[in-house]
Amino acid sequence: MIECVLFDLDGTIVDTNELIINSFMHTLKLNALAPLTREEIIPHMGTTLEQQMKVFSGLEDISALEKTYRAYSYEHHDRLVRPFPHVNETMEELKRRGFKLGIVTTKIRPTTIKALEMFDLLKYMDTLVTVNDVTEPKPHPEPVLTAVRNLGVDPRRTLMVGDSAVDIQSAKAAGVYVAGVSWSLKGEEVLRRYEPHHIIHDMKDILELVEQGTTEWPEK
């Protein structure tokens, strides 16, 4: 049986999609770099800001770009960030049932906390693993394994929920079960290529999933 559920943040439990896309577009324009379309940005979302910025700009030193991005993102955060349906109700019920919960994200810790507090989600989390807390970010298994270790749980009794390929890759490399979310901007078809154990279509689907046990889940 599952005893712990880990969640990615951006695009999984908090809708930061427009904030992220707008922040990248603004940063490229302000720094006189070639513009990118939404379709060119979306496939890279989920990796670290540093990784994305290097790909988008072709530069090694992205410190000035990162400063621009974070300033814009902070200024427009509360206007552009939205909740996904049924997240709070699902977290409340998972806690009531005794599950341990955590966040595993490629965001920095301050903005992770800001987003969680904005929607009253921080109180549900037993651990936060951000890009500041690991040497190797997702898709490396270190972030998921760090959360598992922090919580003292068995990886084989842990479910990771995410919206990107790196979430699935990190979870599978860490030996935990993984569910992709159908509301990912990348699309359900893209996620299925990475063979998650499940695709969920509503956050409340997790409640049934964790009670099923894993005996009939496909091994990926």
C-alpha atoms as a PDB file:
ATOM      1  CA  MET A   1       0.000   0.000   0.000  1.00  0.00           C
ATOM      2  CA  ILE A   2       1.066   3.573  -0.635  1.00  0.00           C
ATOM      3  CA  GLU A   3       1.970   5.513   2.512  1.00  0.00           C
ATOM      4  CA  CYS A   4       3.497   8.662   1.018  1.00  0.00           C
ATOM      5  CA  VAL A   5       2.597  10.958  -1.889  1.00  0.00           C
ATOM      6  CA  LEU A   6       5.109  13.404  -3.356  1.00  0.00           C
ATOM      7  CA  PHE A   7       4.095  16.220  -5.698  1.00  0.00           C
ATOM      8  CA  ASP A   8       5.824  18.375  -8.229  1.00  0.00           C
ATOM      9  CA  LEU A   9       4.704  21.993  -7.829  1.00  0.00           C
ATOM     10  CA  ASP A  10       4.580  23.989 -11.083  1.00  0.00           C
ATOM     11  CA  GLY A  11       1.957  22.696 -13.467  1.00  0.00           C
ATOM     12  CA  THR A  12       0.967  19.890 -11.108  1.00  0.00           C
ATOM     13  CA  ILE A  13      -0.702  21.338  -8.009  1.00  0.00           C
ATOM     14  CA  VAL A  14      -0.277  25.066  -8.738  1.00  0.00           C
ATOM     15  CA  ASP A  15      -0.946  26.588 -12.154  1.00  0.00           C
ATOM     16  CA  THR A  16       2.123  28.733 -12.736  1.00  0.00           C
ATOM     17  CA  ASN A  17       2.171  28.041 -16.473  1.00  0.00           C
ATOM     18  CA  GLU A  18       1.352  31.550 -17.696  1.00  0.00           C
ATOM     19  CA  LEU A  19       3.717  33.127 -15.178  1.00  0.00           C
ATOM     20  CA  ILE A  20       6.602  30.950 -16.363  1.00  0.00           C
ATOM     21  CA  ILE A  21       5.943  31.453 -20.066  1.00  0.00           C
ATOM     22  CA  ASN A  22       5.473  35.222 -19.706  1.00  0.00           C
ATOM     23  CA  SER A  23       8.611  35.492 -17.567  1.00  0.00           C
ATOM     24  CA  PHE A  24      10.720  33.786 -20.216  1.00  0.00           C
ATOM     25  CA  MET A  25       9.267  35.893 -23.040  1.00  0.00           C
ATOM     26  CA  HIS A  26       9.860  39.098 -21.083  1.00  0.00           C
ATOM     27  CA  THR A  27      13.422  38.101 -20.198  1.00  0.00           C
ATOM     28  CA  LEU A  28      14.388  37.300 -23.779  1.00  0.00           C
ATOM     29  CA  LYS A  29      12.870  40.527 -25.084  1.00  0.00           C
ATOM     30  CA  LEU A  30      14.426  42.756 -22.410  1.00  0.00           C
ATOM     31  CA  ASN A  31      17.850  41.252 -23.064  1.00  0.00           C
ATOM     32  CA  ALA A  32      17.580  41.590 -26.868  1.00  0.00           C
ATOM     33  CA  LEU A  33      17.582  37.852 -27.474  1.00  0.00           C
ATOM     34  CA  ALA A  34      15.661  35.944 -30.116  1.00  0.00           C
ATOM     35  CA  PRO A  35      12.022  35.508 -29.072  1.00  0.00           C
ATOM     36  CA  LEU A  36      10.461  32.098 -28.523  1.00  0.00           C
ATOM     37  CA  THR A  37       6.896  30.911 -28.933  1.00  0.00           C
ATOM     38  CA  ARG A  38       4.887  29.165 -26.237  1.00  0.00           C
ATOM     39  CA  GLU A  39       5.316  25.932 -28.181  1.00  0.00           C
ATOM     40  CA  GLU A  40       9.101  26.290 -28.045  1.00  0.00           C
ATOM     41  CA  ILE A  41       9.122  27.020 -24.302  1.00  0.00           C
ATOM     42  CA  ILE A  42       6.683  24.370 -23.035  1.00  0.00           C
ATOM     43  CA  PRO A  43       8.755  21.229 -23.763  1.00  0.00           C
ATOM     44  CA  HIS A  44      11.530  22.485 -21.475  1.00  0.00           C
ATOM     45  CA  MET A  45       9.303  23.416 -18.539  1.00  0.00           C
ATOM     46  CA  GLY A  46      10.018  21.233 -15.530  1.00  0.00           C
ATOM     47  CA  THR A  47      13.796  21.446 -15.804  1.00  0.00           C
ATOM     48  CA  THR A  48      15.692  24.024 -13.736  1.00  0.00           C
ATOM     49  CA  LEU A  49      15.619  27.719 -14.591  1.00  0.00           C
ATOM     50  CA  GLU A  50      19.362  27.581 -15.302  1.00  0.00           C
ATOM     51  CA  GLN A  51      18.952  24.690 -17.737  1.00  0.00           C
ATOM     52  CA  GLN A  52      16.053  26.331 -19.539  1.00  0.00           C
ATOM     53  CA  MET A  53      17.731  29.712 -19.770  1.00  0.00           C
ATOM     54  CA  LYS A  54      20.906  28.232 -21.254  1.00  0.00           C
ATOM     55  CA  VAL A  55      18.891  26.377 -23.892  1.00  0.00           C
ATOM     56  CA  PHE A  56      16.762  29.409 -24.751  1.00  0.00           C
ATOM     57  CA  SER A  57      19.615  31.924 -24.885  1.00  0.00           C
ATOM     58  CA  GLY A  58      22.567  29.825 -26.041  1.00  0.00           C
ATOM     59  CA  LEU A  59      24.629  31.519 -23.312  1.00  0.00           C
ATOM     60  CA  GLU A  60      26.693  29.965 -20.544  1.00  0.00           C
ATOM     61  CA  ASP A  61      26.561  32.973 -18.223  1.00  0.00           C
ATOM     62  CA  ILE A  62      22.872  33.504 -17.616  1.00  0.00           C
ATOM     63  CA  SER A  63      23.157  35.465 -14.365  1.00  0.00           C
ATOM     64  CA  ALA A  64      21.744  38.673 -15.870  1.00  0.00           C
ATOM     65  CA  LEU A  65      18.899  36.738 -17.497  1.00  0.00           C
ATOM     66  CA  GLU A  66      18.081  34.985 -14.250  1.00  0.00           C
ATOM     67  CA  LYS A  67      17.915  38.326 -12.448  1.00  0.00           C
ATOM     68  CA  THR A  68      15.491  39.698 -15.044  1.00  0.00           C
ATOM     69  CA  TYR A  69      13.371  36.555 -14.927  1.00  0.00           C
ATOM     70  CA  ARG A  70      13.079  36.465 -11.150  1.00  0.00           C
ATOM     71  CA  ALA A  71      12.236  40.173 -10.902  1.00  0.00           C
ATOM     72  CA  TYR A  72       9.410  39.840 -13.421  1.00  0.00           C
ATOM     73  CA  SER A  73       8.190  36.573 -11.922  1.00  0.00           C
ATOM     74  CA  TYR A  74       8.069  38.006  -8.412  1.00  0.00           C
ATOM     75  CA  GLU A  75       6.263  41.163  -9.543  1.00  0.00           C
ATOM     76  CA  HIS A  76       3.568  39.299 -11.480  1.00  0.00           C
ATOM     77  CA  HIS A  77       3.331  36.142  -9.348  1.00  0.00           C
ATOM     78  CA  ASP A  78       0.066  36.796  -7.563  1.00  0.00           C
ATOM     79  CA  ARG A  79      -1.669  38.066 -10.711  1.00  0.00           C
ATOM     80  CA  LEU A  80      -0.794  35.136 -12.943  1.00  0.00           C
ATOM     81  CA  VAL A  81      -0.707  32.116 -10.620  1.00  0.00           C
ATOM     82  CA  ARG A  82      -3.902  30.083 -10.241  1.00  0.00           C
ATOM     83  CA  PRO A  83      -4.992  27.006  -8.293  1.00  0.00           C
ATOM     84  CA  PHE A  84      -5.832  23.745 -10.022  1.00  0.00           C
ATOM     85  CA  PRO A  85      -9.232  22.207  -9.205  1.00  0.00           C
ATOM     86  CA  HIS A  86      -9.648  19.949  -6.148  1.00  0.00           C
ATOM     87  CA  VAL A  87      -6.069  20.261  -4.918  1.00  0.00           C
ATOM     88  CA  ASN A  88      -6.835  21.509  -1.405  1.00  0.00           C
ATOM     89  CA  GLU A  89      -9.674  19.029  -0.896  1.00  0.00           C
ATOM     90  CA  THR A  90      -7.433  16.180  -1.983  1.00  0.00           C
ATOM     91  CA  MET A  91      -4.569  17.245   0.297  1.00  0.00           C
ATOM     92  CA  GLU A  92      -6.959  17.589   3.223  1.00  0.00           C
ATOM     93  CA  GLU A  93      -8.319  14.091   2.673  1.00  0.00           C
ATOM     94  CA  LEU A  94      -4.872  12.547   2.213  1.00  0.00           C
ATOM     95  CA  LYS A  95      -3.743  14.052   5.516  1.00  0.00           C
ATOM     96  CA  ARG A  96      -6.911  12.872   7.202  1.00  0.00           C
ATOM     97  CA  ARG A  97      -6.145   9.342   6.042  1.00  0.00           C
ATOM     98  CA  GLY A  98      -2.625   9.546   7.457  1.00  0.00           C
ATOM     99  CA  PHE A  99      -0.520   9.825   4.309  1.00  0.00           C
ATOM    100  CA  LYS A 100       2.801  11.656   4.437  1.00  0.00           C
ATOM    101  CA  LEU A 101       3.022  14.407   1.813  1.00  0.00           C
ATOM    102  CA  GLY A 102       5.873  16.305   0.233  1.00  0.00           C
ATOM    103  CA  ILE A 103       6.949  18.612  -2.574  1.00  0.00           C
ATOM    104  CA  VAL A 104       9.768  17.757  -4.983  1.00  0.00           C
ATOM    105  CA  THR A 105      10.440  20.682  -7.313  1.00  0.00           C
ATOM    106  CA  THR A 106      13.101  22.343  -9.455  1.00  0.00           C
ATOM    107  CA  LYS A 107      12.042  25.749  -8.077  1.00  0.00           C
ATOM    108  CA  ILE A 108      14.096  27.603  -5.492  1.00  0.00           C
ATOM    109  CA  ARG A 109      12.858  27.389  -1.914  1.00  0.00           C
ATOM    110  CA  PRO A 110      11.567  30.983  -1.474  1.00  0.00           C
ATOM    111  CA  THR A 111       9.265  30.864  -4.510  1.00  0.00           C
ATOM    112  CA  THR A 112       8.151  27.345  -3.616  1.00  0.00           C
ATOM    113  CA  ILE A 113       7.011  28.537  -0.210  1.00  0.00           C
ATOM    114  CA  LYS A 114       5.411  31.655  -1.734  1.00  0.00           C
ATOM    115  CA  ALA A 115       3.251  29.573  -4.088  1.00  0.00           C
ATOM    116  CA  LEU A 116       2.262  27.056  -1.407  1.00  0.00           C
ATOM    117  CA  GLU A 117       1.342  29.770   1.082  1.00  0.00           C
ATOM    118  CA  MET A 118      -0.697  31.635  -1.508  1.00  0.00           C
ATOM    119  CA  PHE A 119      -3.125  28.705  -1.749  1.00  0.00           C
ATOM    120  CA  ASP A 120      -2.853  27.502   1.852  1.00  0.00           C
ATOM    121  CA  LEU A 121      -1.037  24.310   0.819  1.00  0.00           C
ATOM    122  CA  LEU A 122       2.132  24.611   2.888  1.00  0.00           C
ATOM    123  CA  LYS A 123       0.414  23.269   6.007  1.00  0.00           C
ATOM    124  CA  TYR A 124      -0.112  19.891   4.356  1.00  0.00           C
ATOM    125  CA  MET A 125       3.518  19.259   3.466  1.00  0.00           C
ATOM    126  CA  ASP A 126       5.800  17.166   5.645  1.00  0.00           C
ATOM    127  CA  THR A 127       8.881  17.929   3.530  1.00  0.00           C
ATOM    128  CA  LEU A 128       9.941  20.329   0.772  1.00  0.00           C
ATOM    129  CA  VAL A 129      12.757  19.364  -1.562  1.00  0.00           C
ATOM    130  CA  THR A 130      13.712  22.256  -3.835  1.00  0.00           C
ATOM    131  CA  VAL A 131      16.577  22.816  -6.242  1.00  0.00           C
ATOM    132  CA  ASN A 132      18.425  24.434  -3.312  1.00  0.00           C
ATOM    133  CA  ASP A 133      18.388  21.161  -1.388  1.00  0.00           C
ATOM    134  CA  VAL A 134      20.083  18.850  -3.891  1.00  0.00           C
ATOM    135  CA  THR A 135      23.253  18.558  -5.924  1.00  0.00           C
ATOM    136  CA  GLU A 136      21.558  16.887  -8.884  1.00  0.00           C
ATOM    137  CA  PRO A 137      18.043  18.112  -9.827  1.00  0.00           C
ATOM    138  CA  LYS A 138      15.378  16.084 -11.609  1.00  0.00           C
ATOM    139  CA  PRO A 139      15.558  13.950 -13.774  1.00  0.00           C
ATOM    140  CA  HIS A 140      18.241  12.595 -11.410  1.00  0.00           C
ATOM    141  CA  PRO A 141      16.748  10.448  -8.609  1.00  0.00           C
ATOM    142  CA  GLU A 142      18.374  12.544  -5.852  1.00  0.00           C
ATOM    143  CA  PRO A 143      15.413  14.907  -5.251  1.00  0.00           C
ATOM    144  CA  VAL A 144      12.892  12.075  -4.872  1.00  0.00           C
ATOM    145  CA  LEU A 145      15.281  10.002  -2.769  1.00  0.00           C
ATOM    146  CA  THR A 146      15.922  13.038  -0.555  1.00  0.00           C
ATOM    147  CA  ALA A 147      12.186  13.413   0.097  1.00  0.00           C
ATOM    148  CA  VAL A 148      11.863   9.686   0.843  1.00  0.00           C
ATOM    149  CA  ARG A 149      14.765   9.870   3.269  1.00  0.00           C
ATOM    150  CA  ASN A 150      13.411  13.017   4.941  1.00  0.00           C
ATOM    151  CA  LEU A 151      10.101  11.277   5.567  1.00  0.00           C
ATOM    152  CA  GLY A 152      11.535   7.904   6.557  1.00  0.00           C
ATOM    153  CA  VAL A 153       9.322   6.031   4.101  1.00  0.00           C
ATOM    154  CA  ASP A 154       9.824   3.061   1.804  1.00  0.00           C
ATOM    155  CA  PRO A 155      10.290   4.053  -1.868  1.00  0.00           C
ATOM    156  CA  ARG A 156       8.144   1.058  -2.824  1.00  0.00           C
ATOM    157  CA  ARG A 157       5.285   2.607  -0.824  1.00  0.00           C
ATOM    158  CA  THR A 158       5.678   6.066  -2.341  1.00  0.00           C
ATOM    159  CA  LEU A 159       3.835   7.730  -5.225  1.00  0.00           C
ATOM    160  CA  MET A 160       5.213  10.729  -7.119  1.00  0.00           C
ATOM    161  CA  VAL A 161       2.775  12.955  -9.042  1.00  0.00           C
ATOM    162  CA  GLY A 162       4.048  15.268 -11.759  1.00  0.00           C
ATOM    163  CA  ASP A 163       3.409  17.003 -15.073  1.00  0.00           C
ATOM    164  CA  SER A 164       6.694  16.540 -16.920  1.00  0.00           C
ATOM    165  CA  ALA A 165       9.118  13.961 -18.233  1.00  0.00           C
ATOM    166  CA  VAL A 166      11.687  14.851 -15.574  1.00  0.00           C
ATOM    167  CA  ASP A 167       9.179  14.032 -12.818  1.00  0.00           C
ATOM    168  CA  ILE A 168       8.573  10.595 -14.282  1.00  0.00           C
ATOM    169  CA  GLN A 169      12.255   9.938 -14.906  1.00  0.00           C
ATOM    170  CA  SER A 170      13.310  11.029 -11.423  1.00  0.00           C
ATOM    171  CA  ALA A 171      10.625   8.939  -9.740  1.00  0.00           C
ATOM    172  CA  LYS A 172      11.339   5.796 -11.733  1.00  0.00           C
ATOM    173  CA  ALA A 173      15.084   6.137 -11.164  1.00  0.00           C
ATOM    174  CA  ALA A 174      14.393   6.444  -7.424  1.00  0.00           C
ATOM    175  CA  GLY A 175      12.256   3.295  -7.415  1.00  0.00           C
ATOM    176  CA  VAL A 176       8.955   4.960  -6.547  1.00  0.00           C
ATOM    177  CA  TYR A 177       5.621   4.762  -8.335  1.00  0.00           C
ATOM    178  CA  VAL A 178       4.671   7.692 -10.534  1.00  0.00           C
ATOM    179  CA  ALA A 179       1.498   9.236 -11.923  1.00  0.00           C
ATOM    180  CA  GLY A 180       1.416  11.878 -14.627  1.00  0.00           C
ATOM    181  CA  VAL A 181      -1.310  14.528 -14.697  1.00  0.00           C
ATOM    182  CA  SER A 182      -3.438  14.870 -17.813  1.00  0.00           C
ATOM    183  CA  TRP A 183      -3.608  18.671 -17.416  1.00  0.00           C
ATOM    184  CA  SER A 184       0.106  18.987 -18.182  1.00  0.00           C
ATOM    185  CA  LEU A 185       0.795  21.592 -20.881  1.00  0.00           C
ATOM    186  CA  LYS A 186       3.040  19.001 -22.501  1.00  0.00           C
ATOM    187  CA  GLY A 187       0.059  16.795 -23.168  1.00  0.00           C
ATOM    188  CA  GLU A 188      -0.937  13.350 -21.993  1.00  0.00           C
ATOM    189  CA  GLU A 189       0.517  11.696 -25.089  1.00  0.00           C
ATOM    190  CA  VAL A 190       3.976  13.104 -24.352  1.00  0.00           C
ATOM    191  CA  LEU A 191       3.858  11.938 -20.739  1.00  0.00           C
ATOM    192  CA  ARG A 192       2.825   8.430 -21.763  1.00  0.00           C
ATOM    193  CA  ARG A 193       6.042   8.078 -23.773  1.00  0.00           C
ATOM    194  CA  TYR A 194       7.906   7.996 -20.454  1.00  0.00           C
ATOM    195  CA  GLU A 195       5.692   5.190 -19.141  1.00  0.00           C
ATOM    196  CA  PRO A 196       4.274   6.470 -15.852  1.00  0.00           C
ATOM    197  CA  HIS A 197       2.376   3.854 -13.865  1.00  0.00           C
ATOM    198  CA  HIS A 198      -0.786   5.940 -14.161  1.00  0.00           C
ATOM    199  CA  ILE A 199      -2.231   9.077 -15.715  1.00  0.00           C
ATOM    200  CA  ILE A 200      -4.718  10.911 -13.502  1.00  0.00           C
ATOM    201  CA  HIS A 201      -7.400  13.190 -14.942  1.00  0.00           C
ATOM    202  CA  ASP A 202      -8.501  14.906 -11.728  1.00  0.00           C
ATOM    203  CA  MET A 203      -6.549  15.472  -8.532  1.00  0.00           C
ATOM    204  CA  LYS A 204      -9.201  13.537  -6.638  1.00  0.00           C
ATOM    205  CA  ASP A 205      -8.239  10.419  -8.635  1.00  0.00           C
ATOM    206  CA  ILE A 206      -5.273  10.097  -6.276  1.00  0.00           C
ATOM    207  CA  LEU A 207      -7.584   9.206  -3.397  1.00  0.00           C
ATOM    208  CA  GLU A 208      -8.786   6.068  -5.146  1.00  0.00           C
ATOM    209  CA  LEU A 209      -5.345   5.283  -6.509  1.00  0.00           C
ATOM    210  CA  VAL A 210      -3.577   5.224  -3.158  1.00  0.00           C
ATOM    211  CA  GLU A 211      -6.225   2.987  -1.635  1.00  0.00           C
ATOM    212  CA  GLN A 212      -5.990   0.405  -4.406  1.00  0.00           C
ATOM    213  CA  GLY A 213      -2.560  -0.785  -3.412  1.00  0.00           C
ATOM    214  CA  THR A 214       0.133  -1.424  -5.983  1.00  0.00           C
ATOM    215  CA  THR A 215      -0.209  -5.144  -6.616  1.00  0.00           C
ATOM    216  CA  GLU A 216      -1.891  -4.555  -9.987  1.00  0.00           C
ATOM    217  CA  TRP A 217       0.141  -1.508 -11.002  1.00  0.00           C
ATOM    218  CA  PRO A 218       2.338  -2.110 -14.054  1.00  0.00           C
ATOM    219  CA  GLU A 219       6.045  -2.260 -13.363  1.00  0.00           C
ATOM    220  CA  LYS A 220       7.833   0.339 -15.467  1.00  0.00           C
END
